[in-house]
Amino acid sequence: MYNIYTLFYFIIILFINLIELKIFLKFFYIFNLNLHEKENFLNIYIITHKDFNNNLTNDYYKILCDDCSKLNGNYKINLISSNIDNELYKKKIGYCEGSKIYYIWKKYKNNKINTKYVGFTHYRRIFSFLNKIPNLDKIFREYDVILNNRLYLNNETIKEQYYEIHIGKNIEQIIKIIKENYTDYYLAALKTMNMTFGNFCNIFIMKKDDFIEYGNFVFGVLFEFDRRNNLNSDEDIKKYIEKNFINKTKFDNIVNSINYQRRLEGFLLERLTNIFYNFKFKNKYEINVIKP
């Protein structure tokens, strides 16, 4: 009789342990699933070239700088240097934030980074939600992209504004390249050039596949622009500006400086980005950006 009770006791203990093990394994699976989903949900890259004050702690944010070893701030989020394995690093002034966007785009395209959503902001312009990131799945059920608020150009078109403060013929070259090589975008390009507002500064959150398509378009056009104008380095860009830029007498020294105008591809990238927005997205969700 004693042995029967002992056996029954051990069966009960074993049963309880199996239940506890099952609960533990289920919890472990759910925890790891949620961790995996979190790691593959969103990256928002904050592009900077210098230290900035911030209170960002949400690890969806990443700081993106040419060389993060030069940053001395006390940051609580990951820092990523974009000067390694980046063909555009030698043209970093010309491309501005574009060289860093390119660095990340290559990694997404080659599947070295894989998140559901990818976004970009600047050290001076962070989405106003800061650490409290909204429910992106809910937003993207209704909208196609998240952008910073549009900027109106005082009744000037995007094309007219570019002619006024930059080298006008560059816009003509860009439109020609699109017409020849990216015909699907051509009507959107013409429409964009005649709009009196745009979402500038290359600030956005997109779905991963849209971001890859975006990079295919904007960098494809810019690389062809560089090829046609023999722009292979920052020094080439400087010489090109010195030769082609016409002094804009109504503007201050910033617009008329060679160093400002050397951000050539960066200025063109802003216009190409708007062309892509108007080609790809019907419903755009706009959010304020603030200085952190």
Foldseek 3Di string as FASTA:
>chain_A
DVVVVVVVVVVVVVVVVVVVVVVVVVVVVVVVVVVVQVQAAAAEEAEDAEDADDDAQAQSYEYEYCDCVRYDDDDNYHYDHQVPPFQCNQLCLQQPCPSRLLSVLVCLVVVVHHHFKYWYHYLFWAFPCRRVDDDVVVVVVPWAKEAADKDFQVPAFQLRVCVQQAQNVLLVLLLVCCVVPVVLLNVLLVVRRGDRMFRFDRTIMHGSVLSNVLCCPLVVSVVVSCVVQVPNGLVSLLVVCVVRPDANVVDDVLSRDSSNRSNPSNSVSRSSSRSSCSSPTDGYHHTHIGND
